[in-house]
């Protein structure tokens, strides 16, 4: 949670930002002694009651930039559901909850995390108790609003969209419409993101009350401490090169933490099982894994019980995993912004880190787009083919077995269930629109 980007142009203090002494003392107790750039600029206008759009790169202290002023305002009138924080992923929702609990410990705040994969009835009971803070993914909160006559959000003072670009430009439109219709017009709206988008500019001009707008003036999109490289590899032997790369890194330092990003849930699971059979203990993080398993896996990785995580982009946004030394992009992200979010998991808090993107002959255009966006040329990561040849067959056999693994079959069943739920949700939305027209 420590702040990452205190700009040299000012050495501000939390006192000058208008925060109360109890909050400043609590920040100090968890090692936050000076505000980061986004906190320095955004906290004062939020305390004044203004809407706010804040944009800064990953690891800049965005969560505290909205949590601290919300906690201060809550301490003045701790009644009812005071703030609603929306986020695109379940893991990020739990992480934001942890931030509020740590920073708001002297207040003993009550919060409720409303996400999919958890019993709705129990969540409903928690919401009926009117927690101070509700942290939710849009789909599950919309389900509660449509199925319950008891859930009341009209007393909310703050609406926060964390990772706002993904919420506004993803598949959340119908759910957000349901949620926004349930909120009072008189509220503060706060949008935070690592990347600014046209949609956020439109909101600035149309949907918000003359918001304070701040975006980092950093000349580069990724941090200087990040060593960014590419590995040119034939597509059919990519996994063998990956295995050899992992061996090389772990021989240098077995205590290094590594995240491998993949493009799909299915391949994420297959690769995870393949690596386990090759004696690389790891956890898999993707949306088809049951929620309790996802949280347990993330906790194992964050506590260094397991040093290797294979993940989809569900792990690329906002998650505070401070000690990752290596990011491997098994696929080239189609969007430069996705690349920035992925590699932002390393080189945090001023520490060094490396990101290696595995590139095939089909990926050159995407790599060029990434380099243009980050204003940095990727450096070649060189590996000798002769080092990889001896393990080609072993890796191929392990991958074949992983595809037939019972766990993989279970993932496929879960995917079918998920698709059916998605279709049912679409049908509900069509019925809702038909009724309103």
Foldseek 3Di string as FASTA:
>chain_A
DEAFAADPVDFDFVVVLPADPLLQVLCVVVPHTTAFPQLSPQSNVVLVVFAEEEAAAFQHCVLCSPLRSQLRVCVVPVDFQAEEEEEAFQLLLVVSVVVNCSSNVVVPFFEAEFEPLDDLVVSVVSQLVGGNYYYYYLPRVLVCLVPDPRRAAANYAEYEYEQVVCCVPDPRVLSVVSVVVRYHPRHHYYYYHNDDDPVVVVCCVPVGDVGHYDYDPDPFSADPLEQEAEEEDAPVQLLLVVVVVVVVVCVVPVQAAEEEEEADPLVLQLSQQLVVVVVQHEEEADDLDRPVSNVVRVVCCLVSVHRYYYYYLSPLPRDARAGHAEYEYSAQDQDLVSVSSRSSNYCHSVHHHYYYYYDYPVCPVSQVVNCVRRVHHHHYDDDDVVSSVVCRVVSVVSSVVSCVDPVSVSSVVSVVVVVVVVVVVVVVSVVVVVVVD
